[in-house]
C-alpha cells in the first residue's frame, strides 16, 4: 500500500535505527508498506537507555511483516555494528 510516495522508496534497502518504537518504528512501517527491504535496528533498551533485549527488534519485525530483518546492536559500539 503506497502512501503517496509512488515508487520512490521501492527497490531499495534501508536501515532504520530505533525501529523498536516511536519515530523509528513509524519510518520502518512506512518503508515496509511501500515494499522496501528494511533492517530493523534496535538495541532493545528501556526508555532510560539501560538494558539490551533482542526480542524488541524481533517483535517489531513480526508485527510489521514485509521484508523486515530484525537487528540488535548499539550504534555507539563499533564492534557491535561490525558483528
C-alpha atoms as a PDB file:
ATOM      1  CA  UNK A   1       0.000   0.000   0.000  1.00  0.00           C
ATOM      2  CA  UNK A   2       1.690   3.193  -1.153  1.00  0.00           C
ATOM      3  CA  UNK A   3       1.075   6.327   0.852  1.00  0.00           C
ATOM      4  CA  UNK A   4       1.500   8.987  -1.815  1.00  0.00           C
ATOM      5  CA  UNK A   5       5.156   8.164  -2.308  1.00  0.00           C
ATOM      6  CA  UNK A   6       4.749   6.196  -5.509  1.00  0.00           C
ATOM      7  CA  UNK A   7       7.726   4.015  -6.309  1.00  0.00           C
ATOM      8  CA  UNK A   8      10.257   6.433  -4.832  1.00  0.00           C
ATOM      9  CA  UNK A   9      11.018   4.163  -1.870  1.00  0.00           C
ATOM     10  CA  UNK A  10      10.758   0.791  -3.591  1.00  0.00           C
ATOM     11  CA  UNK A  11      13.632  -1.351  -4.844  1.00  0.00           C
ATOM     12  CA  UNK A  12      15.955  -0.084  -2.133  1.00  0.00           C
ATOM     13  CA  UNK A  13      17.296  -1.431   1.129  1.00  0.00           C
ATOM     14  CA  UNK A  14      17.059   0.741   4.242  1.00  0.00           C
ATOM     15  CA  UNK A  15      18.480   0.522   7.754  1.00  0.00           C
ATOM     16  CA  UNK A  16      16.279   2.194  10.364  1.00  0.00           C
ATOM     17  CA  UNK A  17      17.807   2.832  13.775  1.00  0.00           C
ATOM     18  CA  UNK A  18      15.494   2.947  16.769  1.00  0.00           C
ATOM     19  CA  UNK A  19      12.993   0.761  14.919  1.00  0.00           C
ATOM     20  CA  UNK A  20      11.570  -0.640  18.155  1.00  0.00           C
ATOM     21  CA  UNK A  21       9.315   2.300  18.937  1.00  0.00           C
ATOM     22  CA  UNK A  22       8.342   5.867  18.176  1.00  0.00           C
ATOM     23  CA  UNK A  23       9.573   7.639  15.062  1.00  0.00           C
ATOM     24  CA  UNK A  24      11.913   4.798  14.070  1.00  0.00           C
ATOM     25  CA  UNK A  25       9.074   2.284  14.142  1.00  0.00           C
ATOM     26  CA  UNK A  26       6.822   4.635  12.144  1.00  0.00           C
ATOM     27  CA  UNK A  27       9.511   5.165   9.497  1.00  0.00           C
ATOM     28  CA  UNK A  28      10.129   1.410   9.262  1.00  0.00           C
ATOM     29  CA  UNK A  29       6.393   0.731   8.918  1.00  0.00           C
ATOM     30  CA  UNK A  30       6.101   3.272   6.105  1.00  0.00           C
ATOM     31  CA  UNK A  31       9.068   1.847   4.215  1.00  0.00           C
ATOM     32  CA  UNK A  32       7.820  -1.732   4.586  1.00  0.00           C
ATOM     33  CA  UNK A  33       4.319  -0.711   3.477  1.00  0.00           C
ATOM     34  CA  UNK A  34       5.906   0.643   0.301  1.00  0.00           C
ATOM     35  CA  UNK A  35       7.639  -2.659  -0.445  1.00  0.00           C
ATOM     36  CA  UNK A  36      11.150  -1.782   0.707  1.00  0.00           C
ATOM     37  CA  UNK A  37      13.554  -4.167   2.395  1.00  0.00           C
ATOM     38  CA  UNK A  38      14.317  -2.789   5.861  1.00  0.00           C
ATOM     39  CA  UNK A  39      16.883  -3.606   8.521  1.00  0.00           C
ATOM     40  CA  UNK A  40      15.061  -3.021  11.807  1.00  0.00           C
ATOM     41  CA  UNK A  41      17.877  -1.947  14.125  1.00  0.00           C
ATOM     42  CA  UNK A  42      17.137  -1.516  17.802  1.00  0.00           C
ATOM     43  CA  UNK A  43      19.266  -2.078  20.877  1.00  0.00           C
ATOM     44  CA  UNK A  44      16.127  -3.040  22.804  1.00  0.00           C
ATOM     45  CA  UNK A  45      16.830  -0.840  25.797  1.00  0.00           C
ATOM     46  CA  UNK A  46      14.373   0.706  28.197  1.00  0.00           C
ATOM     47  CA  UNK A  47      13.415   4.354  27.711  1.00  0.00           C
ATOM     48  CA  UNK A  48      16.101   5.311  30.269  1.00  0.00           C
ATOM     49  CA  UNK A  49      18.772   3.817  27.956  1.00  0.00           C
ATOM     50  CA  UNK A  50      19.639   0.797  30.092  1.00  0.00           C
ATOM     51  CA  UNK A  51      19.436  -2.850  29.149  1.00  0.00           C
ATOM     52  CA  UNK A  52      19.520  -4.751  25.872  1.00  0.00           C
ATOM     53  CA  UNK A  53      16.853  -7.087  24.531  1.00  0.00           C
ATOM     54  CA  UNK A  54      16.892  -8.719  21.082  1.00  0.00           C
ATOM     55  CA  UNK A  55      13.192  -9.523  21.434  1.00  0.00           C
ATOM     56  CA  UNK A  56      12.315  -5.874  20.708  1.00  0.00           C
ATOM     57  CA  UNK A  57      13.592  -5.898  17.107  1.00  0.00           C
ATOM     58  CA  UNK A  58      12.188  -9.389  16.570  1.00  0.00           C
ATOM     59  CA  UNK A  59       8.729  -8.343  17.813  1.00  0.00           C
ATOM     60  CA  UNK A  60       8.677  -5.301  15.531  1.00  0.00           C
ATOM     61  CA  UNK A  61       9.650  -7.451  12.538  1.00  0.00           C
ATOM     62  CA  UNK A  62       6.812  -9.870  13.332  1.00  0.00           C
ATOM     63  CA  UNK A  63       4.316  -7.045  13.864  1.00  0.00           C
ATOM     64  CA  UNK A  64       5.168  -5.054  10.742  1.00  0.00           C
ATOM     65  CA  UNK A  65       5.698  -8.022   8.434  1.00  0.00           C
ATOM     66  CA  UNK A  66       7.077  -7.432   4.967  1.00  0.00           C
ATOM     67  CA  UNK A  67      10.764  -7.718   4.216  1.00  0.00           C
ATOM     68  CA  UNK A  68      11.993  -6.595   7.644  1.00  0.00           C
ATOM     69  CA  UNK A  69      15.162  -8.010   9.178  1.00  0.00           C
ATOM     70  CA  UNK A  70      15.499  -7.620  12.964  1.00  0.00           C
ATOM     71  CA  UNK A  71      18.959  -6.464  14.074  1.00  0.00           C
ATOM     72  CA  UNK A  72      20.027  -5.871  17.667  1.00  0.00           C
ATOM     73  CA  UNK A  73      23.069  -3.634  18.047  1.00  0.00           C
ATOM     74  CA  UNK A  74      24.113  -0.430  19.758  1.00  0.00           C
ATOM     75  CA  UNK A  75      25.261   2.029  17.069  1.00  0.00           C
ATOM     76  CA  UNK A  76      27.502   3.702  19.652  1.00  0.00           C
ATOM     77  CA  UNK A  77      29.569   0.475  19.772  1.00  0.00           C
ATOM     78  CA  UNK A  78      31.602  -0.044  16.581  1.00  0.00           C
ATOM     79  CA  UNK A  79      32.323  -3.696  17.413  1.00  0.00           C
ATOM     80  CA  UNK A  80      28.611  -4.445  17.830  1.00  0.00           C
ATOM     81  CA  UNK A  81      27.814  -2.817  14.488  1.00  0.00           C
ATOM     82  CA  UNK A  82      30.607  -4.716  12.734  1.00  0.00           C
ATOM     83  CA  UNK A  83      29.258  -8.005  14.093  1.00  0.00           C
END
